[in-house]
Amino acid sequence: MSGYGEHPAPQNDESSGSRALGGRVGATIMALTPFVALVLFLIFGFGLGAWAWAWVWFLLIPVVGIIIYGPGSSRRG
Protein backbone atom coordinates (compact mmCIF):
# COMPACT_ATOMS: atom_id res chain seq x y z
CA MET A 1 0.00 0.00 0.00
CA SER A 2 1.54 3.19 -1.10
CA GLY A 3 -1.19 5.70 -0.32
CA TYR A 4 -2.97 6.55 2.86
CA GLY A 5 -6.59 5.42 2.85
CA GLU A 6 -6.35 3.18 -0.22
CA HIS A 7 -9.07 0.63 -0.68
CA PRO A 8 -8.54 -2.72 -2.35
CA ALA A 9 -10.20 -3.29 -5.72
CA PRO A 10 -13.56 -5.07 -5.51
CA GLN A 11 -13.48 -8.79 -6.25
CA ASN A 12 -16.55 -8.71 -8.51
CA ASP A 13 -16.81 -10.91 -11.58
CA GLU A 14 -19.78 -8.94 -12.91
CA SER A 15 -19.01 -6.31 -15.52
CA SER A 16 -21.61 -3.90 -14.11
CA GLY A 17 -20.21 -3.99 -10.57
CA SER A 18 -23.73 -4.05 -9.14
CA ARG A 19 -24.85 -6.25 -6.28
CA ALA A 20 -28.46 -5.64 -7.16
CA LEU A 21 -30.86 -8.54 -7.44
CA GLY A 22 -31.26 -8.97 -11.18
CA GLY A 23 -28.03 -7.10 -11.99
CA ARG A 24 -28.55 -4.14 -14.28
CA VAL A 25 -32.31 -4.64 -14.46
CA GLY A 26 -32.59 -4.51 -10.65
CA ALA A 27 -30.43 -1.40 -10.50
CA THR A 28 -32.58 0.24 -13.19
CA ILE A 29 -35.78 -0.64 -11.31
CA MET A 30 -34.31 0.89 -8.16
CA ALA A 31 -33.37 4.06 -10.05
CA LEU A 32 -36.89 4.44 -11.47
CA THR A 33 -38.73 3.70 -8.21
CA PRO A 34 -38.74 7.33 -6.90
CA PHE A 35 -40.33 8.52 -10.16
CA VAL A 36 -42.96 5.76 -10.02
CA ALA A 37 -43.72 6.71 -6.41
CA LEU A 38 -44.07 10.38 -7.38
CA VAL A 39 -46.42 9.59 -10.28
CA LEU A 40 -48.58 7.36 -8.06
CA PHE A 41 -48.60 10.06 -5.37
CA LEU A 42 -49.85 12.65 -7.85
CA ILE A 43 -52.41 10.31 -9.44
CA PHE A 44 -53.90 9.38 -6.09
CA GLY A 45 -53.72 12.97 -4.81
CA PHE A 46 -55.13 14.88 -7.75
CA GLY A 47 -57.08 12.09 -9.42
CA LEU A 48 -58.76 10.53 -6.42
CA GLY A 49 -58.41 13.33 -3.88
CA ALA A 50 -56.70 10.95 -1.49
CA TRP A 51 -53.94 13.29 -0.32
CA ALA A 52 -54.15 11.98 3.24
CA TRP A 53 -52.96 8.54 2.14
CA ALA A 54 -51.09 9.32 -1.10
CA TRP A 55 -47.79 9.71 0.78
CA VAL A 56 -47.79 5.96 1.42
CA TRP A 57 -46.52 5.41 -2.14
CA PHE A 58 -43.17 6.89 -1.08
CA LEU A 59 -42.68 3.84 1.14
CA LEU A 60 -42.14 1.95 -2.11
CA ILE A 61 -38.64 3.43 -2.34
CA PRO A 62 -37.15 1.77 0.76
CA VAL A 63 -39.19 -1.41 0.24
CA VAL A 64 -37.83 -1.88 -3.28
CA GLY A 65 -34.35 -1.04 -2.00
CA ILE A 66 -34.62 -3.72 0.68
CA ILE A 67 -35.82 -6.28 -1.87
CA ILE A 68 -33.14 -5.48 -4.43
CA TYR A 69 -30.15 -4.71 -2.17
CA GLY A 70 -31.24 -6.43 1.03
CA PRO A 71 -30.03 -9.56 2.75
CA GLY A 72 -28.00 -11.80 0.52
CA SER A 73 -26.59 -9.02 -1.63
CA SER A 74 -23.09 -9.70 -0.29
CA ARG A 75 -23.33 -13.28 -1.59
CA ARG A 76 -24.30 -12.04 -5.06
CA GLY A 77 -21.14 -10.02 -5.56
PDB file of N, CA and C in Angstrom:
ATOM      1  N   MET A   1       0.844  -1.185   0.000  1.00  0.00           N
ATOM      2  CA  MET A   1       0.000   0.000   0.000  1.00  0.00           C
ATOM      3  C   MET A   1       0.879   1.233   0.000  1.00  0.00           C
ATOM      4  N   SER A   2       0.698   2.010  -1.010  1.00  0.00           N
ATOM      5  CA  SER A   2       1.539   3.187  -1.098  1.00  0.00           C
ATOM      6  C   SER A   2       0.851   4.443  -0.589  1.00  0.00           C
ATOM      7  N   GLY A   3      -0.478   4.488  -0.715  1.00  0.00           N
ATOM      8  CA  GLY A   3      -1.189   5.701  -0.319  1.00  0.00           C
ATOM      9  C   GLY A   3      -1.988   5.504   0.950  1.00  0.00           C
ATOM     10  N   TYR A   4      -2.191   6.587   1.640  1.00  0.00           N
ATOM     11  CA  TYR A   4      -2.971   6.553   2.863  1.00  0.00           C
ATOM     12  C   TYR A   4      -4.444   6.490   2.516  1.00  0.00           C
ATOM     13  N   GLY A   5      -5.159   5.536   3.070  1.00  0.00           N
ATOM     14  CA  GLY A   5      -6.589   5.422   2.851  1.00  0.00           C
ATOM     15  C   GLY A   5      -6.961   4.688   1.574  1.00  0.00           C
ATOM     16  N   GLU A   6      -6.030   3.942   0.991  1.00  0.00           N
ATOM     17  CA  GLU A   6      -6.352   3.180  -0.221  1.00  0.00           C
ATOM     18  C   GLU A   6      -7.279   2.035   0.109  1.00  0.00           C
ATOM     19  N   HIS A   7      -8.152   1.751  -0.830  1.00  0.00           N
ATOM     20  CA  HIS A   7      -9.069   0.626  -0.677  1.00  0.00           C
ATOM     21  C   HIS A   7      -8.738  -0.425  -1.721  1.00  0.00           C
ATOM     22  N   PRO A   8      -8.815  -1.687  -1.359  1.00  0.00           N
ATOM     23  CA  PRO A   8      -8.540  -2.720  -2.353  1.00  0.00           C
ATOM     24  C   PRO A   8      -9.620  -2.742  -3.434  1.00  0.00           C
ATOM     25  N   ALA A   9      -9.250  -3.205  -4.615  1.00  0.00           N
ATOM     26  CA  ALA A   9     -10.205  -3.290  -5.720  1.00  0.00           C
ATOM     27  C   ALA A   9     -11.254  -4.341  -5.390  1.00  0.00           C
ATOM     28  N   PRO A  10     -12.511  -4.089  -5.779  1.00  0.00           N
ATOM     29  CA  PRO A  10     -13.558  -5.069  -5.512  1.00  0.00           C
ATOM     30  C   PRO A  10     -13.309  -6.365  -6.272  1.00  0.00           C
ATOM     31  N   GLN A  11     -13.682  -7.472  -5.674  1.00  0.00           N
ATOM     32  CA  GLN A  11     -13.475  -8.788  -6.254  1.00  0.00           C
ATOM     33  C   GLN A  11     -14.734  -9.257  -6.975  1.00  0.00           C
ATOM     34  N   ASN A  12     -15.310  -8.408  -7.794  1.00  0.00           N
ATOM     35  CA  ASN A  12     -16.549  -8.715  -8.507  1.00  0.00           C
ATOM     36  C   ASN A  12     -16.241  -9.296  -9.869  1.00  0.00           C
ATOM     37  N   ASP A  13     -16.944 -10.342 -10.245  1.00  0.00           N
ATOM     38  CA  ASP A  13     -16.809 -10.908 -11.576  1.00  0.00           C
ATOM     39  C   ASP A  13     -17.772 -10.266 -12.558  1.00  0.00           C
ATOM     40  N   GLU A  14     -18.797  -9.581 -12.062  1.00  0.00           N
ATOM     41  CA  GLU A  14     -19.782  -8.937 -12.914  1.00  0.00           C
ATOM     42  C   GLU A  14     -19.186  -7.706 -13.565  1.00  0.00           C
ATOM     43  N   SER A  15     -19.531  -7.480 -14.824  1.00  0.00           N
ATOM     44  CA  SER A  15     -19.008  -6.310 -15.522  1.00  0.00           C
ATOM     45  C   SER A  15     -19.659  -5.022 -15.033  1.00  0.00           C
ATOM     46  N   SER A  16     -20.919  -5.105 -14.549  1.00  0.00           N
ATOM     47  CA  SER A  16     -21.611  -3.898 -14.109  1.00  0.00           C
ATOM     48  C   SER A  16     -21.168  -3.447 -12.725  1.00  0.00           C
ATOM     49  N   GLY A  17     -20.637  -4.346 -11.914  1.00  0.00           N
ATOM     50  CA  GLY A  17     -20.207  -3.994 -10.575  1.00  0.00           C
ATOM     51  C   GLY A  17     -21.354  -3.827  -9.603  1.00  0.00           C
ATOM     52  N   SER A  18     -22.547  -4.222  -9.972  1.00  0.00           N
ATOM     53  CA  SER A  18     -23.729  -4.051  -9.144  1.00  0.00           C
ATOM     54  C   SER A  18     -24.014  -5.305  -8.343  1.00  0.00           C
ATOM     55  N   ARG A  19     -24.433  -5.123  -7.106  1.00  0.00           N
ATOM     56  CA  ARG A  19     -24.852  -6.253  -6.281  1.00  0.00           C
ATOM     57  C   ARG A  19     -26.367  -6.340  -6.223  1.00  0.00           C
ATOM     58  N   ALA A  20     -27.015  -5.671  -7.135  1.00  0.00           N
ATOM     59  CA  ALA A  20     -28.464  -5.641  -7.158  1.00  0.00           C
ATOM     60  C   ALA A  20     -29.013  -6.984  -7.599  1.00  0.00           C
ATOM     61  N   LEU A  21     -30.142  -7.352  -7.011  1.00  0.00           N
ATOM     62  CA  LEU A  21     -30.859  -8.543  -7.436  1.00  0.00           C
ATOM     63  C   LEU A  21     -31.312  -8.309  -8.870  1.00  0.00           C
ATOM     64  N   GLY A  22     -30.912  -9.163  -9.771  1.00  0.00           N
ATOM     65  CA  GLY A  22     -31.256  -8.969 -11.177  1.00  0.00           C
ATOM     66  C   GLY A  22     -30.214  -8.181 -11.939  1.00  0.00           C
ATOM     67  N   GLY A  23     -29.110  -7.829 -11.302  1.00  0.00           N
ATOM     68  CA  GLY A  23     -28.034  -7.102 -11.987  1.00  0.00           C
ATOM     69  C   GLY A  23     -28.459  -5.719 -12.442  1.00  0.00           C
ATOM     70  N   ARG A  24     -28.237  -5.459 -13.721  1.00  0.00           N
ATOM     71  CA  ARG A  24     -28.548  -4.138 -14.276  1.00  0.00           C
ATOM     72  C   ARG A  24     -30.036  -3.835 -14.237  1.00  0.00           C
ATOM     73  N   VAL A  25     -30.860  -4.857 -14.468  1.00  0.00           N
ATOM     74  CA  VAL A  25     -32.308  -4.644 -14.455  1.00  0.00           C
ATOM     75  C   VAL A  25     -32.755  -4.218 -13.061  1.00  0.00           C
ATOM     76  N   GLY A  26     -32.249  -4.880 -12.025  1.00  0.00           N
ATOM     77  CA  GLY A  26     -32.586  -4.513 -10.652  1.00  0.00           C
ATOM     78  C   GLY A  26     -32.137  -3.107 -10.309  1.00  0.00           C
ATOM     79  N   ALA A  27     -30.937  -2.754 -10.755  1.00  0.00           N
ATOM     80  CA  ALA A  27     -30.429  -1.402 -10.500  1.00  0.00           C
ATOM     81  C   ALA A  27     -31.272  -0.358 -11.227  1.00  0.00           C
ATOM     82  N   THR A  28     -31.728  -0.678 -12.439  1.00  0.00           N
ATOM     83  CA  THR A  28     -32.581   0.238 -13.191  1.00  0.00           C
ATOM     84  C   THR A  28     -33.936   0.400 -12.511  1.00  0.00           C
ATOM     85  N   ILE A  29     -34.501  -0.701 -12.037  1.00  0.00           N
ATOM     86  CA  ILE A  29     -35.776  -0.636 -11.315  1.00  0.00           C
ATOM     87  C   ILE A  29     -35.636   0.247 -10.080  1.00  0.00           C
ATOM     88  N   MET A  30     -34.530   0.079  -9.356  1.00  0.00           N
ATOM     89  CA  MET A  30     -34.311   0.892  -8.161  1.00  0.00           C
ATOM     90  C   MET A  30     -34.185   2.368  -8.520  1.00  0.00           C
ATOM     91  N   ALA A  31     -33.544   2.669  -9.635  1.00  0.00           N
ATOM     92  CA  ALA A  31     -33.374   4.061 -10.050  1.00  0.00           C
ATOM     93  C   ALA A  31     -34.701   4.698 -10.469  1.00  0.00           C
ATOM     94  N   LEU A  32     -35.614   3.908 -11.005  1.00  0.00           N
ATOM     95  CA  LEU A  32     -36.894   4.437 -11.473  1.00  0.00           C
ATOM     96  C   LEU A  32     -37.954   4.487 -10.376  1.00  0.00           C
ATOM     97  N   THR A  33     -37.737   3.789  -9.278  1.00  0.00           N
ATOM     98  CA  THR A  33     -38.731   3.703  -8.206  1.00  0.00           C
ATOM     99  C   THR A  33     -39.157   5.064  -7.650  1.00  0.00           C
ATOM    100  N   PRO A  34     -38.270   6.026  -7.407  1.00  0.00           N
ATOM    101  CA  PRO A  34     -38.739   7.328  -6.902  1.00  0.00           C
ATOM    102  C   PRO A  34     -39.689   8.038  -7.871  1.00  0.00           C
ATOM    103  N   PHE A  35     -39.460   7.892  -9.170  1.00  0.00           N
ATOM    104  CA  PHE A  35     -40.327   8.522 -10.156  1.00  0.00           C
ATOM    105  C   PHE A  35     -41.692   7.838 -10.195  1.00  0.00           C
ATOM    106  N   VAL A  36     -41.692   6.512 -10.083  1.00  0.00           N
ATOM    107  CA  VAL A  36     -42.956   5.765 -10.023  1.00  0.00           C
ATOM    108  C   VAL A  36     -43.742   6.184  -8.787  1.00  0.00           C
ATOM    109  N   ALA A  37     -43.061   6.300  -7.650  1.00  0.00           N
ATOM    110  CA  ALA A  37     -43.724   6.713  -6.412  1.00  0.00           C
ATOM    111  C   ALA A  37     -44.308   8.113  -6.554  1.00  0.00           C
ATOM    112  N   LEU A  38     -43.574   9.013  -7.179  1.00  0.00           N
ATOM    113  CA  LEU A  38     -44.067  10.381  -7.383  1.00  0.00           C
ATOM    114  C   LEU A  38     -45.308  10.399  -8.277  1.00  0.00           C
ATOM    115  N   VAL A  39     -45.276   9.640  -9.365  1.00  0.00           N
ATOM    116  CA  VAL A  39     -46.422   9.591 -10.280  1.00  0.00           C
ATOM    117  C   VAL A  39     -47.644   9.022  -9.563  1.00  0.00           C
ATOM    118  N   LEU A  40     -47.467   7.943  -8.811  1.00  0.00           N
ATOM    119  CA  LEU A  40     -48.579   7.359  -8.064  1.00  0.00           C
ATOM    120  C   LEU A  40     -49.115   8.326  -7.017  1.00  0.00           C
ATOM    121  N   PHE A  41     -48.214   9.057  -6.353  1.00  0.00           N
ATOM    122  CA  PHE A  41     -48.605  10.062  -5.370  1.00  0.00           C
ATOM    123  C   PHE A  41     -49.499  11.125  -6.011  1.00  0.00           C
ATOM    124  N   LEU A  42     -49.084  11.614  -7.174  1.00  0.00           N
ATOM    125  CA  LEU A  42     -49.851  12.655  -7.851  1.00  0.00           C
ATOM    126  C   LEU A  42     -51.173  12.124  -8.402  1.00  0.00           C
ATOM    127  N   ILE A  43     -51.166  10.905  -8.924  1.00  0.00           N
ATOM    128  CA  ILE A  43     -52.410  10.311  -9.440  1.00  0.00           C
ATOM    129  C   ILE A  43     -53.423  10.145  -8.322  1.00  0.00           C
ATOM    130  N   PHE A  44     -52.973   9.591  -7.202  1.00  0.00           N
ATOM    131  CA  PHE A  44     -53.901   9.378  -6.093  1.00  0.00           C
ATOM    132  C   PHE A  44     -54.305  10.696  -5.445  1.00  0.00           C
ATOM    133  N   GLY A  45     -53.399  11.667  -5.414  1.00  0.00           N
ATOM    134  CA  GLY A  45     -53.716  12.966  -4.813  1.00  0.00           C
ATOM    135  C   GLY A  45     -54.677  13.780  -5.644  1.00  0.00           C
ATOM    136  N   PHE A  46     -54.277  14.055  -6.888  1.00  0.00           N
ATOM    137  CA  PHE A  46     -55.126  14.884  -7.752  1.00  0.00           C
ATOM    138  C   PHE A  46     -56.303  14.097  -8.306  1.00  0.00           C
ATOM    139  N   GLY A  47     -56.047  12.879  -8.758  1.00  0.00           N
ATOM    140  CA  GLY A  47     -57.082  12.093  -9.424  1.00  0.00           C
ATOM    141  C   GLY A  47     -58.167  11.599  -8.496  1.00  0.00           C
ATOM    142  N   LEU A  48     -57.783  11.114  -7.338  1.00  0.00           N
ATOM    143  CA  LEU A  48     -58.758  10.529  -6.418  1.00  0.00           C
ATOM    144  C   LEU A  48     -59.010  11.386  -5.186  1.00  0.00           C
ATOM    145  N   GLY A  49     -58.244  12.452  -5.041  1.00  0.00           N
ATOM    146  CA  GLY A  49     -58.411  13.326  -3.877  1.00  0.00           C
ATOM    147  C   GLY A  49     -57.995  12.675  -2.576  1.00  0.00           C
ATOM    148  N   ALA A  50     -57.120  11.705  -2.670  1.00  0.00           N
ATOM    149  CA  ALA A  50     -56.701  10.946  -1.488  1.00  0.00           C
ATOM    150  C   ALA A  50     -55.343  11.431  -0.980  1.00  0.00           C
ATOM    151  N   TRP A  51     -55.219  12.724  -0.770  1.00  0.00           N
ATOM    152  CA  TRP A  51     -53.944  13.289  -0.315  1.00  0.00           C
ATOM    153  C   TRP A  51     -53.523  12.742   1.038  1.00  0.00           C
ATOM    154  N   ALA A  52     -54.483  12.446   1.895  1.00  0.00           N
ATOM    155  CA  ALA A  52     -54.152  11.984   3.243  1.00  0.00           C
ATOM    156  C   ALA A  52     -53.378  10.669   3.225  1.00  0.00           C
ATOM    157  N   TRP A  53     -53.628   9.838   2.215  1.00  0.00           N
ATOM    158  CA  TRP A  53     -52.955   8.537   2.139  1.00  0.00           C
ATOM    159  C   TRP A  53     -52.014   8.410   0.959  1.00  0.00           C
ATOM    160  N   ALA A  54     -51.930   9.404   0.100  1.00  0.00           N
ATOM    161  CA  ALA A  54     -51.090   9.325  -1.095  1.00  0.00           C
ATOM    162  C   ALA A  54     -49.607   9.218  -0.754  1.00  0.00           C
ATOM    163  N   TRP A  55     -49.201   9.755   0.379  1.00  0.00           N
ATOM    164  CA  TRP A  55     -47.790   9.711   0.777  1.00  0.00           C
ATOM    165  C   TRP A  55     -47.286   8.294   0.966  1.00  0.00           C
ATOM    166  N   VAL A  56     -48.192   7.353   1.178  1.00  0.00           N
ATOM    167  CA  VAL A  56     -47.786   5.961   1.425  1.00  0.00           C
ATOM    168  C   VAL A  56     -47.005   5.398   0.241  1.00  0.00           C
ATOM    169  N   TRP A  57     -47.247   5.904  -0.965  1.00  0.00           N
ATOM    170  CA  TRP A  57     -46.524   5.412  -2.136  1.00  0.00           C
ATOM    171  C   TRP A  57     -45.027   5.643  -2.015  1.00  0.00           C
ATOM    172  N   PHE A  58     -44.601   6.635  -1.237  1.00  0.00           N
ATOM    173  CA  PHE A  58     -43.175   6.885  -1.081  1.00  0.00           C
ATOM    174  C   PHE A  58     -42.489   5.802  -0.253  1.00  0.00           C
ATOM    175  N   LEU A  59     -43.264   4.982   0.437  1.00  0.00           N
ATOM    176  CA  LEU A  59     -42.685   3.837   1.144  1.00  0.00           C
ATOM    177  C   LEU A  59     -42.194   2.771   0.167  1.00  0.00           C
ATOM    178  N   LEU A  60     -42.606   2.869  -1.080  1.00  0.00           N
ATOM    179  CA  LEU A  60     -42.144   1.954  -2.110  1.00  0.00           C
ATOM    180  C   LEU A  60     -40.637   2.046  -2.287  1.00  0.00           C
ATOM    181  N   ILE A  61     -40.069   3.228  -2.108  1.00  0.00           N
ATOM    182  CA  ILE A  61     -38.642   3.433  -2.340  1.00  0.00           C
ATOM    183  C   ILE A  61     -37.792   2.570  -1.409  1.00  0.00           C
ATOM    184  N   PRO A  62     -37.968   2.638  -0.087  1.00  0.00           N
ATOM    185  CA  PRO A  62     -37.146   1.766   0.761  1.00  0.00           C
ATOM    186  C   PRO A  62     -37.521   0.293   0.636  1.00  0.00           C
ATOM    187  N   VAL A  63     -38.785  -0.006   0.370  1.00  0.00           N
ATOM    188  CA  VAL A  63     -39.193  -1.408   0.238  1.00  0.00           C
ATOM    189  C   VAL A  63     -38.499  -2.047  -0.963  1.00  0.00           C
ATOM    190  N   VAL A  64     -38.504  -1.353  -2.092  1.00  0.00           N
ATOM    191  CA  VAL A  64     -37.826  -1.879  -3.281  1.00  0.00           C
ATOM    192  C   VAL A  64     -36.320  -1.964  -3.029  1.00  0.00           C
ATOM    193  N   GLY A  65     -35.765  -0.998  -2.333  1.00  0.00           N
ATOM    194  CA  GLY A  65     -34.345  -1.045  -1.996  1.00  0.00           C
ATOM    195  C   GLY A  65     -34.002  -2.242  -1.133  1.00  0.00           C
ATOM    196  N   ILE A  66     -34.853  -2.565  -0.186  1.00  0.00           N
ATOM    197  CA  ILE A  66     -34.622  -3.724   0.678  1.00  0.00           C
ATOM    198  C   ILE A  66     -34.711  -5.008  -0.146  1.00  0.00           C
ATOM    199  N   ILE A  67     -35.676  -5.076  -1.043  1.00  0.00           N
ATOM    200  CA  ILE A  67     -35.824  -6.278  -1.868  1.00  0.00           C
ATOM    201  C   ILE A  67     -34.629  -6.452  -2.799  1.00  0.00           C
ATOM    202  N   ILE A  68     -34.204  -5.374  -3.435  1.00  0.00           N
ATOM    203  CA  ILE A  68     -33.143  -5.477  -4.435  1.00  0.00           C
ATOM    204  C   ILE A  68     -31.753  -5.554  -3.803  1.00  0.00           C
ATOM    205  N   TYR A  69     -31.482  -4.764  -2.769  1.00  0.00           N
ATOM    206  CA  TYR A  69     -30.150  -4.712  -2.174  1.00  0.00           C
ATOM    207  C   TYR A  69     -30.088  -5.306  -0.775  1.00  0.00           C
ATOM    208  N   GLY A  70     -31.149  -5.949  -0.344  1.00  0.00           N
ATOM    209  CA  GLY A  70     -31.241  -6.430   1.029  1.00  0.00           C
ATOM    210  C   GLY A  70     -30.382  -7.630   1.351  1.00  0.00           C
ATOM    211  N   PRO A  71     -30.812  -8.411   2.312  1.00  0.00           N
ATOM    212  CA  PRO A  71     -30.027  -9.564   2.754  1.00  0.00           C
ATOM    213  C   PRO A  71     -29.695 -10.479   1.590  1.00  0.00           C
ATOM    214  N   GLY A  72     -28.458 -10.933   1.575  1.00  0.00           N
ATOM    215  CA  GLY A  72     -28.002 -11.804   0.522  1.00  0.00           C
ATOM    216  C   GLY A  72     -27.273 -11.076  -0.581  1.00  0.00           C
ATOM    217  N   SER A  73     -27.261  -9.744  -0.567  1.00  0.00           N
ATOM    218  CA  SER A  73     -26.587  -9.024  -1.632  1.00  0.00           C
ATOM    219  C   SER A  73     -25.073  -9.214  -1.577  1.00  0.00           C
ATOM    220  N   SER A  74     -24.535  -9.466  -0.393  1.00  0.00           N
ATOM    221  CA  SER A  74     -23.089  -9.703  -0.293  1.00  0.00           C
ATOM    222  C   SER A  74     -22.698 -11.027  -0.926  1.00  0.00           C
ATOM    223  N   ARG A  75     -23.623 -11.990  -0.963  1.00  0.00           N
ATOM    224  CA  ARG A  75     -23.329 -13.278  -1.586  1.00  0.00           C
ATOM    225  C   ARG A  75     -23.427 -13.198  -3.105  1.00  0.00           C
ATOM    226  N   ARG A  76     -24.132 -12.184  -3.611  1.00  0.00           N
ATOM    227  CA  ARG A  76     -24.299 -12.041  -5.058  1.00  0.00           C
ATOM    228  C   ARG A  76     -23.055 -11.484  -5.721  1.00  0.00           C
ATOM    229  N   GLY A  77     -22.284 -10.731  -4.978  1.00  0.00           N
ATOM    230  CA  GLY A  77     -21.142 -10.022  -5.561  1.00  0.00           C
ATOM    231  C   GLY A  77     -19.973 -10.822  -5.859  1.00  0.00           C
TER     232      GLY A  77
END
